[in-house]
Amino acid sequence: MRDDKTAVKKVLALGALGLALAAAILALCLRIGGGGFVGSGLEGGGSVYYQRARDTGGRIDGIVIGVEGLTGGFKPEAVAAPGDRAVSDSVYEPLVSVGPDGQPVSVLAREIGISEDGLTYTVSLREGVAFQDGQPLLAEDAVASVLACAGRQTRHERFLAGLVGYEDYVNGRANSLAGVQAAGEGTVTFTFVVPSPGNIWALGVGTQKAAEIGNGGVYNGTGPYRLAGWDHAGREARLSPNEAYRGKAPAGDITLREIDLASGAALYQAGEIDA
């Protein structure tokens, strides 16, 4: 295991990644070299809207939130703007997300074991997780979701690039990605070329049902919200509670409306948006 002081210096050198990510990387530095961690089970996939609903006792029905960039790219592999990401993160959940304190927490992962050499992450999926249509979450769904994002310009791309066989897969020399495999219905293994604290973020891809990847008209996630409506011309997306959600679903609908952030304060004061 690397010296703690060296790990701290390397983390500080990554200031461009932001304080929250740096804190998460530092936390993981102390775990590399064997062992693993059991996640705290952050419900809601890190959705800020779900968190706000929970913090206010669920009294959030009917509010309108102004966001920047709402293009309709709501699938995890198609997210291209902040507003799209807000929708995607509310509908789809990752294996691992960033907690309020900037540290990695499990969402769909129940437990993550890290090999002694820091190259293999064995992920046990949380039990009792279902998609909106009631179908159970399987390891093959997590694997297919990673493959869908490989080679795409997503926020996880640089971390996925560390998986064994990544270049062969994205360049068409292999039909599968050797570094991510299903081991039964409830376990996924990730294998990396080199040990790195950033490898954990390869587990941050939003999880879709394998059979529905590529179907742009279906948004069937495991998160607390479902996409109830999308007005492309008006640049508005409506999120409704996912009644099949395993936790306490949020109380009501939310409308995300694309705005020019420079006019956000004026729109709020005029009562056109609530946040």
C-alpha atoms as a PDB file:
ATOM      1  CA  MET A   1       0.000   0.000   0.000  1.00  0.00           C
ATOM      2  CA  ARG A   2       1.306   3.459  -0.816  1.00  0.00           C
ATOM      3  CA  ASP A   3       2.536   5.814   1.877  1.00  0.00           C
ATOM      4  CA  ASP A   4      -0.328   8.008   3.141  1.00  0.00           C
ATOM      5  CA  LYS A   5       1.676  11.214   2.640  1.00  0.00           C
ATOM      6  CA  THR A   6       2.338  10.293  -0.971  1.00  0.00           C
ATOM      7  CA  ALA A   7      -1.349   9.582  -1.477  1.00  0.00           C
ATOM      8  CA  VAL A   8      -2.247  12.981  -0.027  1.00  0.00           C
ATOM      9  CA  LYS A   9       0.194  14.777  -2.324  1.00  0.00           C
ATOM     10  CA  LYS A  10      -1.234  13.026  -5.361  1.00  0.00           C
ATOM     11  CA  VAL A  11      -4.762  13.892  -4.339  1.00  0.00           C
ATOM     12  CA  LEU A  12      -3.894  17.558  -3.834  1.00  0.00           C
ATOM     13  CA  ALA A  13      -2.389  17.594  -7.310  1.00  0.00           C
ATOM     14  CA  LEU A  14      -5.830  16.753  -8.681  1.00  0.00           C
ATOM     15  CA  GLY A  15      -7.395  20.041  -7.611  1.00  0.00           C
ATOM     16  CA  ALA A  16      -8.965  20.531 -11.030  1.00  0.00           C
ATOM     17  CA  LEU A  17     -11.237  17.584 -10.312  1.00  0.00           C
ATOM     18  CA  GLY A  18     -12.904  19.514  -7.508  1.00  0.00           C
ATOM     19  CA  LEU A  19     -12.806  19.172  -3.747  1.00  0.00           C
ATOM     20  CA  ALA A  20     -15.605  16.626  -3.551  1.00  0.00           C
ATOM     21  CA  LEU A  21     -13.946  14.218  -5.974  1.00  0.00           C
ATOM     22  CA  ALA A  22     -10.563  14.734  -4.342  1.00  0.00           C
ATOM     23  CA  ALA A  23     -12.032  13.777  -0.977  1.00  0.00           C
ATOM     24  CA  ALA A  24     -13.530  10.649  -2.489  1.00  0.00           C
ATOM     25  CA  ILE A  25     -10.233   9.694  -4.103  1.00  0.00           C
ATOM     26  CA  LEU A  26      -8.339  10.226  -0.853  1.00  0.00           C
ATOM     27  CA  ALA A  27     -10.817   8.041   0.988  1.00  0.00           C
ATOM     28  CA  LEU A  28     -10.337   5.281  -1.542  1.00  0.00           C
ATOM     29  CA  CYS A  29      -6.524   5.597  -1.436  1.00  0.00           C
ATOM     30  CA  LEU A  30      -6.693   4.245   2.094  1.00  0.00           C
ATOM     31  CA  ARG A  31      -8.599   1.175   0.876  1.00  0.00           C
ATOM     32  CA  ILE A  32      -6.471   0.193  -2.126  1.00  0.00           C
ATOM     33  CA  GLY A  33      -4.347  -2.887  -1.533  1.00  0.00           C
ATOM     34  CA  GLY A  34      -6.939  -5.319  -0.274  1.00  0.00           C
ATOM     35  CA  GLY A  35     -10.211  -5.434   1.569  1.00  0.00           C
ATOM     36  CA  GLY A  36     -13.126  -3.410   0.329  1.00  0.00           C
ATOM     37  CA  PHE A  37     -16.078  -1.554   1.746  1.00  0.00           C
ATOM     38  CA  VAL A  38     -19.719  -2.088   2.445  1.00  0.00           C
ATOM     39  CA  GLY A  39     -21.775   0.806   1.139  1.00  0.00           C
ATOM     40  CA  SER A  40     -24.097   2.876   3.264  1.00  0.00           C
ATOM     41  CA  GLY A  41     -26.931   2.457   0.800  1.00  0.00           C
ATOM     42  CA  LEU A  42     -27.552   6.032  -0.276  1.00  0.00           C
ATOM     43  CA  GLU A  43     -31.057   5.850  -1.686  1.00  0.00           C
ATOM     44  CA  GLY A  44     -32.138   7.900  -4.669  1.00  0.00           C
ATOM     45  CA  GLY A  45     -29.032   7.540  -6.794  1.00  0.00           C
ATOM     46  CA  GLY A  46     -27.724  10.884  -5.545  1.00  0.00           C
ATOM     47  CA  SER A  47     -30.591  12.769  -7.207  1.00  0.00           C
ATOM     48  CA  VAL A  48     -30.581  16.287  -5.770  1.00  0.00           C
ATOM     49  CA  TYR A  49     -34.318  16.438  -6.297  1.00  0.00           C
ATOM     50  CA  TYR A  50     -34.907  13.270  -4.314  1.00  0.00           C
ATOM     51  CA  GLN A  51     -32.660  14.568  -1.558  1.00  0.00           C
ATOM     52  CA  ARG A  52     -34.555  17.849  -1.469  1.00  0.00           C
ATOM     53  CA  ALA A  53     -37.876  16.014  -1.268  1.00  0.00           C
ATOM     54  CA  ARG A  54     -36.571  13.922   1.605  1.00  0.00           C
ATOM     55  CA  ASP A  55     -35.138  16.927   3.430  1.00  0.00           C
ATOM     56  CA  THR A  56     -38.456  18.789   3.218  1.00  0.00           C
ATOM     57  CA  GLY A  57     -40.565  15.834   4.261  1.00  0.00           C
ATOM     58  CA  GLY A  58     -41.620  15.148   0.686  1.00  0.00           C
ATOM     59  CA  ARG A  59     -43.389  18.493   0.212  1.00  0.00           C
ATOM     60  CA  ILE A  60     -42.107  19.094  -3.287  1.00  0.00           C
ATOM     61  CA  ASP A  61     -45.079  18.350  -5.574  1.00  0.00           C
ATOM     62  CA  GLY A  62     -45.485  20.521  -8.633  1.00  0.00           C
ATOM     63  CA  ILE A  63     -42.364  22.634  -8.352  1.00  0.00           C
ATOM     64  CA  VAL A  64     -40.511  23.944 -11.387  1.00  0.00           C
ATOM     65  CA  ILE A  65     -36.708  23.891 -11.375  1.00  0.00           C
ATOM     66  CA  GLY A  66     -34.638  25.852 -13.853  1.00  0.00           C
ATOM     67  CA  VAL A  67     -31.707  23.970 -15.366  1.00  0.00           C
ATOM     68  CA  GLU A  68     -29.063  24.675 -17.956  1.00  0.00           C
ATOM     69  CA  GLY A  69     -29.030  22.524 -21.072  1.00  0.00           C
ATOM     70  CA  LEU A  70     -32.011  20.219 -21.573  1.00  0.00           C
ATOM     71  CA  THR A  71     -31.588  18.477 -24.927  1.00  0.00           C
ATOM     72  CA  GLY A  72     -33.350  15.132 -24.459  1.00  0.00           C
ATOM     73  CA  GLY A  73     -30.204  13.051 -24.016  1.00  0.00           C
ATOM     74  CA  PHE A  74     -31.487  11.281 -20.905  1.00  0.00           C
ATOM     75  CA  LYS A  75     -29.924   7.862 -21.393  1.00  0.00           C
ATOM     76  CA  PRO A  76     -26.684   7.549 -19.390  1.00  0.00           C
ATOM     77  CA  GLU A  77     -24.612   7.148 -22.557  1.00  0.00           C
ATOM     78  CA  ALA A  78     -26.287  10.135 -24.238  1.00  0.00           C
ATOM     79  CA  VAL A  79     -26.099  12.801 -21.524  1.00  0.00           C
ATOM     80  CA  ALA A  80     -24.688  15.958 -23.078  1.00  0.00           C
ATOM     81  CA  ALA A  81     -25.744  18.810 -20.785  1.00  0.00           C
ATOM     82  CA  PRO A  82     -26.345  19.564 -17.087  1.00  0.00           C
ATOM     83  CA  GLY A  83     -30.130  19.425 -17.424  1.00  0.00           C
ATOM     84  CA  ASP A  84     -29.953  16.062 -19.182  1.00  0.00           C
ATOM     85  CA  ARG A  85     -27.767  14.800 -16.358  1.00  0.00           C
ATOM     86  CA  ALA A  86     -30.308  15.952 -13.766  1.00  0.00           C
ATOM     87  CA  VAL A  87     -33.005  13.893 -15.481  1.00  0.00           C
ATOM     88  CA  SER A  88     -30.771  10.878 -16.048  1.00  0.00           C
ATOM     89  CA  ASP A  89     -29.505  10.818 -12.465  1.00  0.00           C
ATOM     90  CA  SER A  90     -33.071  10.909 -11.156  1.00  0.00           C
ATOM     91  CA  VAL A  91     -34.190   7.953 -13.297  1.00  0.00           C
ATOM     92  CA  TYR A  92     -31.064   5.784 -13.426  1.00  0.00           C
ATOM     93  CA  GLU A  93     -28.885   4.719 -10.517  1.00  0.00           C
ATOM     94  CA  PRO A  94     -25.211   3.697 -10.544  1.00  0.00           C
ATOM     95  CA  LEU A  95     -23.480   0.991  -8.575  1.00  0.00           C
ATOM     96  CA  VAL A  96     -21.546   3.694  -6.726  1.00  0.00           C
ATOM     97  CA  SER A  97     -22.164   7.411  -6.327  1.00  0.00           C
ATOM     98  CA  VAL A  98     -20.699  10.372  -4.453  1.00  0.00           C
ATOM     99  CA  GLY A  99     -22.192  11.008  -1.046  1.00  0.00           C
ATOM    100  CA  PRO A 100     -22.928  14.404   0.520  1.00  0.00           C
ATOM    101  CA  ASP A 101     -19.484  14.334   2.153  1.00  0.00           C
ATOM    102  CA  GLY A 102     -17.733  13.663  -1.153  1.00  0.00           C
ATOM    103  CA  GLN A 103     -16.981  10.037  -0.311  1.00  0.00           C
ATOM    104  CA  PRO A 104     -17.961   7.039  -2.443  1.00  0.00           C
ATOM    105  CA  VAL A 105     -21.142   5.316  -1.291  1.00  0.00           C
ATOM    106  CA  SER A 106     -22.990   2.334  -2.676  1.00  0.00           C
ATOM    107  CA  VAL A 107     -26.303   2.703  -4.444  1.00  0.00           C
ATOM    108  CA  LEU A 108     -26.988  -0.497  -6.361  1.00  0.00           C
ATOM    109  CA  ALA A 109     -23.878  -2.190  -4.991  1.00  0.00           C
ATOM    110  CA  ARG A 110     -24.348  -3.996  -1.694  1.00  0.00           C
ATOM    111  CA  GLU A 111     -20.685  -4.724  -1.155  1.00  0.00           C
ATOM    112  CA  ILE A 112     -17.438  -4.153  -3.041  1.00  0.00           C
ATOM    113  CA  GLY A 113     -14.363  -6.279  -2.517  1.00  0.00           C
ATOM    114  CA  ILE A 114     -10.989  -5.044  -3.765  1.00  0.00           C
ATOM    115  CA  SER A 115      -8.189  -7.497  -4.513  1.00  0.00           C
ATOM    116  CA  GLU A 116      -4.795  -7.258  -2.825  1.00  0.00           C
ATOM    117  CA  ASP A 117      -3.198  -5.866  -5.985  1.00  0.00           C
ATOM    118  CA  GLY A 118      -5.941  -3.257  -6.382  1.00  0.00           C
ATOM    119  CA  LEU A 119      -6.823  -4.463  -9.884  1.00  0.00           C
ATOM    120  CA  THR A 120     -10.081  -6.375  -9.386  1.00  0.00           C
ATOM    121  CA  TYR A 121     -13.296  -5.028  -7.874  1.00  0.00           C
ATOM    122  CA  THR A 122     -15.927  -7.651  -7.069  1.00  0.00           C
ATOM    123  CA  VAL A 123     -19.353  -6.059  -6.764  1.00  0.00           C
ATOM    124  CA  SER A 124     -22.272  -7.786  -5.079  1.00  0.00           C
ATOM    125  CA  LEU A 125     -25.548  -6.218  -6.178  1.00  0.00           C
ATOM    126  CA  ARG A 126     -28.122  -5.003  -3.715  1.00  0.00           C
ATOM    127  CA  GLU A 127     -30.986  -7.456  -3.345  1.00  0.00           C
ATOM    128  CA  GLY A 128     -34.598  -6.511  -3.966  1.00  0.00           C
ATOM    129  CA  VAL A 129     -33.871  -3.859  -6.602  1.00  0.00           C
ATOM    130  CA  ALA A 130     -36.294  -3.664  -9.515  1.00  0.00           C
ATOM    131  CA  PHE A 131     -36.740  -1.523 -12.596  1.00  0.00           C
ATOM    132  CA  GLN A 132     -39.871   0.543 -13.088  1.00  0.00           C
ATOM    133  CA  ASP A 133     -41.503  -2.346 -14.945  1.00  0.00           C
ATOM    134  CA  GLY A 134     -40.944  -4.649 -11.968  1.00  0.00           C
ATOM    135  CA  GLN A 135     -38.151  -6.684 -13.526  1.00  0.00           C
ATOM    136  CA  PRO A 136     -35.241  -7.420 -11.151  1.00  0.00           C
ATOM    137  CA  LEU A 137     -31.805  -5.866 -11.494  1.00  0.00           C
ATOM    138  CA  LEU A 138     -29.312  -8.439 -12.775  1.00  0.00           C
ATOM    139  CA  ALA A 139     -25.549  -8.439 -13.215  1.00  0.00           C
ATOM    140  CA  GLU A 140     -25.988  -8.526 -16.993  1.00  0.00           C
ATOM    141  CA  ASP A 141     -27.798  -5.157 -16.789  1.00  0.00           C
ATOM    142  CA  ALA A 142     -24.848  -3.559 -15.009  1.00  0.00           C
ATOM    143  CA  VAL A 143     -22.389  -5.014 -17.522  1.00  0.00           C
ATOM    144  CA  ALA A 144     -24.442  -3.898 -20.534  1.00  0.00           C
ATOM    145  CA  SER A 145     -24.741  -0.395 -19.078  1.00  0.00           C
ATOM    146  CA  VAL A 146     -20.962  -0.077 -18.867  1.00  0.00           C
ATOM    147  CA  LEU A 147     -20.589  -1.314 -22.442  1.00  0.00           C
ATOM    148  CA  ALA A 148     -23.146   1.256 -23.625  1.00  0.00           C
ATOM    149  CA  CYS A 149     -21.025   4.081 -22.194  1.00  0.00           C
ATOM    150  CA  ALA A 150     -17.659   2.769 -23.357  1.00  0.00           C
ATOM    151  CA  GLY A 151     -16.251   4.940 -26.120  1.00  0.00           C
ATOM    152  CA  ARG A 152     -18.839   7.662 -25.549  1.00  0.00           C
ATOM    153  CA  GLN A 153     -18.089  11.174 -24.310  1.00  0.00           C
ATOM    154  CA  THR A 154     -19.504  10.731 -20.810  1.00  0.00           C
ATOM    155  CA  ARG A 155     -18.219  11.917 -17.445  1.00  0.00           C
ATOM    156  CA  HIS A 156     -17.064   8.341 -16.732  1.00  0.00           C
ATOM    157  CA  GLU A 157     -15.101   7.796 -19.933  1.00  0.00           C
ATOM    158  CA  ARG A 158     -11.615   8.401 -18.527  1.00  0.00           C
ATOM    159  CA  PHE A 159     -12.261   5.869 -15.762  1.00  0.00           C
ATOM    160  CA  LEU A 160     -13.766   3.238 -18.054  1.00  0.00           C
ATOM    161  CA  ALA A 161     -10.648   3.578 -20.208  1.00  0.00           C
ATOM    162  CA  GLY A 162      -8.676   1.892 -17.416  1.00  0.00           C
ATOM    163  CA  LEU A 163     -10.540  -1.406 -17.800  1.00  0.00           C
ATOM    164  CA  VAL A 164      -8.727  -4.405 -19.247  1.00  0.00           C
ATOM    165  CA  GLY A 165      -9.564  -4.762 -22.945  1.00  0.00           C
ATOM    166  CA  TYR A 166     -11.067  -1.298 -23.264  1.00  0.00           C
ATOM    167  CA  GLU A 167      -9.165  -0.253 -26.388  1.00  0.00           C
ATOM    168  CA  ASP A 168      -9.916  -3.522 -28.144  1.00  0.00           C
ATOM    169  CA  TYR A 169     -13.619  -3.148 -27.431  1.00  0.00           C
ATOM    170  CA  VAL A 170     -14.094   0.475 -28.458  1.00  0.00           C
ATOM    171  CA  ASN A 171     -12.007  -0.031 -31.612  1.00  0.00           C
ATOM    172  CA  GLY A 172     -14.023  -3.057 -32.716  1.00  0.00           C
ATOM    173  CA  ARG A 173     -11.329  -5.650 -32.164  1.00  0.00           C
ATOM    174  CA  ALA A 174     -13.384  -7.440 -29.489  1.00  0.00           C
ATOM    175  CA  ASN A 175     -17.102  -8.109 -29.084  1.00  0.00           C
ATOM    176  CA  SER A 176     -16.995  -7.812 -25.317  1.00  0.00           C
ATOM    177  CA  LEU A 177     -15.086  -5.800 -22.753  1.00  0.00           C
ATOM    178  CA  ALA A 178     -12.823  -8.202 -20.860  1.00  0.00           C
ATOM    179  CA  GLY A 179     -12.582  -5.890 -17.860  1.00  0.00           C
ATOM    180  CA  VAL A 180     -16.249  -6.088 -16.855  1.00  0.00           C
ATOM    181  CA  GLN A 181     -17.974  -9.423 -16.505  1.00  0.00           C
ATOM    182  CA  ALA A 182     -21.093 -10.880 -14.879  1.00  0.00           C
ATOM    183  CA  ALA A 183     -20.388 -13.677 -12.429  1.00  0.00           C
ATOM    184  CA  GLY A 184     -23.851 -15.101 -11.921  1.00  0.00           C
ATOM    185  CA  GLU A 185     -26.990 -12.989 -11.553  1.00  0.00           C
ATOM    186  CA  GLY A 186     -25.866 -10.903  -8.608  1.00  0.00           C
ATOM    187  CA  THR A 187     -22.139 -10.261  -8.998  1.00  0.00           C
ATOM    188  CA  VAL A 188     -20.102  -8.105 -11.374  1.00  0.00           C
ATOM    189  CA  THR A 189     -16.298  -8.037 -11.607  1.00  0.00           C
ATOM    190  CA  PHE A 190     -14.295  -5.062 -12.848  1.00  0.00           C
ATOM    191  CA  THR A 191     -10.648  -5.649 -13.767  1.00  0.00           C
ATOM    192  CA  PHE A 192      -8.271  -2.741 -14.392  1.00  0.00           C
ATOM    193  CA  VAL A 193      -4.902  -2.450 -16.075  1.00  0.00           C
ATOM    194  CA  VAL A 194      -3.285  -0.556 -13.212  1.00  0.00           C
ATOM    195  CA  PRO A 195      -4.391   0.136  -9.632  1.00  0.00           C
ATOM    196  CA  SER A 196      -5.739   3.642  -9.196  1.00  0.00           C
ATOM    197  CA  PRO A 197      -8.004   5.381  -6.674  1.00  0.00           C
ATOM    198  CA  GLY A 198      -9.995   6.700  -9.637  1.00  0.00           C
ATOM    199  CA  ASN A 199     -10.995   3.198 -10.728  1.00  0.00           C
ATOM    200  CA  ILE A 200     -14.003   3.286  -8.414  1.00  0.00           C
ATOM    201  CA  TRP A 201     -15.695   5.812 -10.698  1.00  0.00           C
ATOM    202  CA  ALA A 202     -15.956   3.220 -13.470  1.00  0.00           C
ATOM    203  CA  LEU A 203     -18.764   1.917 -11.248  1.00  0.00           C
ATOM    204  CA  GLY A 204     -20.591   5.252 -11.509  1.00  0.00           C
ATOM    205  CA  VAL A 205     -22.448   4.557 -14.770  1.00  0.00           C
ATOM    206  CA  GLY A 206     -26.249   4.787 -14.639  1.00  0.00           C
ATOM    207  CA  THR A 207     -27.742   1.302 -14.848  1.00  0.00           C
ATOM    208  CA  GLN A 208     -30.244   0.374 -17.558  1.00  0.00           C
ATOM    209  CA  LYS A 209     -32.004  -2.840 -18.413  1.00  0.00           C
ATOM    210  CA  ALA A 210     -29.758  -4.689 -20.855  1.00  0.00           C
ATOM    211  CA  ALA A 211     -32.525  -5.471 -23.347  1.00  0.00           C
ATOM    212  CA  GLU A 212     -33.547  -1.802 -23.572  1.00  0.00           C
ATOM    213  CA  ILE A 213     -30.180  -0.211 -24.259  1.00  0.00           C
ATOM    214  CA  GLY A 214     -30.327   1.555 -27.593  1.00  0.00           C
ATOM    215  CA  ASN A 215     -34.081   2.072 -27.375  1.00  0.00           C
ATOM    216  CA  GLY A 216     -34.246   5.844 -27.034  1.00  0.00           C
ATOM    217  CA  GLY A 217     -37.964   5.878 -26.300  1.00  0.00           C
ATOM    218  CA  VAL A 218     -37.782   3.736 -23.165  1.00  0.00           C
ATOM    219  CA  TYR A 219     -36.533   5.179 -19.857  1.00  0.00           C
ATOM    220  CA  ASN A 220     -36.829   2.296 -17.427  1.00  0.00           C
ATOM    221  CA  GLY A 221     -34.576   2.889 -14.436  1.00  0.00           C
ATOM    222  CA  THR A 222     -34.376   1.878 -10.790  1.00  0.00           C
ATOM    223  CA  GLY A 223     -34.283   5.422  -9.393  1.00  0.00           C
ATOM    224  CA  PRO A 224     -36.926   7.294  -7.361  1.00  0.00           C
ATOM    225  CA  TYR A 225     -38.290   9.119 -10.403  1.00  0.00           C
ATOM    226  CA  ARG A 226     -39.569   8.156 -13.843  1.00  0.00           C
ATOM    227  CA  LEU A 227     -39.651  10.357 -16.915  1.00  0.00           C
ATOM    228  CA  ALA A 228     -43.358  11.190 -17.261  1.00  0.00           C
ATOM    229  CA  GLY A 229     -43.098  13.708 -20.065  1.00  0.00           C
ATOM    230  CA  TRP A 230     -40.660  15.468 -22.380  1.00  0.00           C
ATOM    231  CA  ASP A 231     -41.577  18.602 -24.316  1.00  0.00           C
ATOM    232  CA  HIS A 232     -38.742  19.009 -26.783  1.00  0.00           C
ATOM    233  CA  ALA A 233     -40.034  22.277 -28.218  1.00  0.00           C
ATOM    234  CA  GLY A 234     -40.680  23.804 -24.822  1.00  0.00           C
ATOM    235  CA  ARG A 235     -37.536  22.281 -23.315  1.00  0.00           C
ATOM    236  CA  GLU A 236     -39.340  20.854 -20.297  1.00  0.00           C
ATOM    237  CA  ALA A 237     -39.052  17.422 -18.682  1.00  0.00           C
ATOM    238  CA  ARG A 238     -41.547  16.187 -16.107  1.00  0.00           C
ATOM    239  CA  LEU A 239     -40.461  13.695 -13.473  1.00  0.00           C
ATOM    240  CA  SER A 240     -43.012  11.670 -11.514  1.00  0.00           C
ATOM    241  CA  PRO A 241     -42.457   9.354  -8.544  1.00  0.00           C
ATOM    242  CA  ASN A 242     -41.465   5.809  -9.409  1.00  0.00           C
ATOM    243  CA  GLU A 243     -44.096   3.827  -7.541  1.00  0.00           C
ATOM    244  CA  ALA A 244     -41.991   0.681  -7.856  1.00  0.00           C
ATOM    245  CA  TYR A 245     -39.064   2.297  -6.057  1.00  0.00           C
ATOM    246  CA  ARG A 246     -37.667   0.142  -3.269  1.00  0.00           C
ATOM    247  CA  GLY A 247     -37.371   3.055  -0.833  1.00  0.00           C
ATOM    248  CA  LYS A 248     -39.770   5.820   0.053  1.00  0.00           C
ATOM    249  CA  ALA A 249     -40.712   7.427  -3.228  1.00  0.00           C
ATOM    250  CA  PRO A 250     -40.851  11.242  -3.434  1.00  0.00           C
ATOM    251  CA  ALA A 251     -44.256  12.834  -2.919  1.00  0.00           C
ATOM    252  CA  GLY A 252     -44.989  14.404  -6.277  1.00  0.00           C
ATOM    253  CA  ASP A 253     -44.003  15.635  -9.713  1.00  0.00           C
ATOM    254  CA  ILE A 254     -41.140  17.945 -10.628  1.00  0.00           C
ATOM    255  CA  THR A 255     -40.798  19.924 -13.844  1.00  0.00           C
ATOM    256  CA  LEU A 256     -37.297  20.704 -15.112  1.00  0.00           C
ATOM    257  CA  ARG A 257     -37.282  23.693 -17.447  1.00  0.00           C
ATOM    258  CA  GLU A 258     -34.343  24.845 -19.527  1.00  0.00           C
ATOM    259  CA  ILE A 259     -33.388  28.435 -18.745  1.00  0.00           C
ATOM    260  CA  ASP A 260     -30.583  30.879 -19.341  1.00  0.00           C
ATOM    261  CA  LEU A 261     -28.846  30.833 -15.984  1.00  0.00           C
ATOM    262  CA  ALA A 262     -28.161  34.551 -16.278  1.00  0.00           C
ATOM    263  CA  SER A 263     -31.907  35.161 -16.043  1.00  0.00           C
ATOM    264  CA  GLY A 264     -32.501  32.621 -13.285  1.00  0.00           C
ATOM    265  CA  ALA A 265     -32.858  35.150 -10.481  1.00  0.00           C
ATOM    266  CA  ALA A 266     -35.378  37.202 -12.458  1.00  0.00           C
ATOM    267  CA  LEU A 267     -37.422  34.097 -13.330  1.00  0.00           C
ATOM    268  CA  TYR A 268     -37.447  33.063  -9.688  1.00  0.00           C
ATOM    269  CA  GLN A 269     -38.592  36.494  -8.531  1.00  0.00           C
ATOM    270  CA  ALA A 270     -41.310  36.468 -11.200  1.00  0.00           C
ATOM    271  CA  GLY A 271     -42.562  33.121  -9.921  1.00  0.00           C
ATOM    272  CA  GLU A 272     -41.830  31.277 -13.158  1.00  0.00           C
ATOM    273  CA  ILE A 273     -39.475  28.824 -11.472  1.00  0.00           C
ATOM    274  CA  ASP A 274     -39.267  27.651  -7.861  1.00  0.00           C
ATOM    275  CA  ALA A 275     -35.556  26.935  -7.782  1.00  0.00           C
END
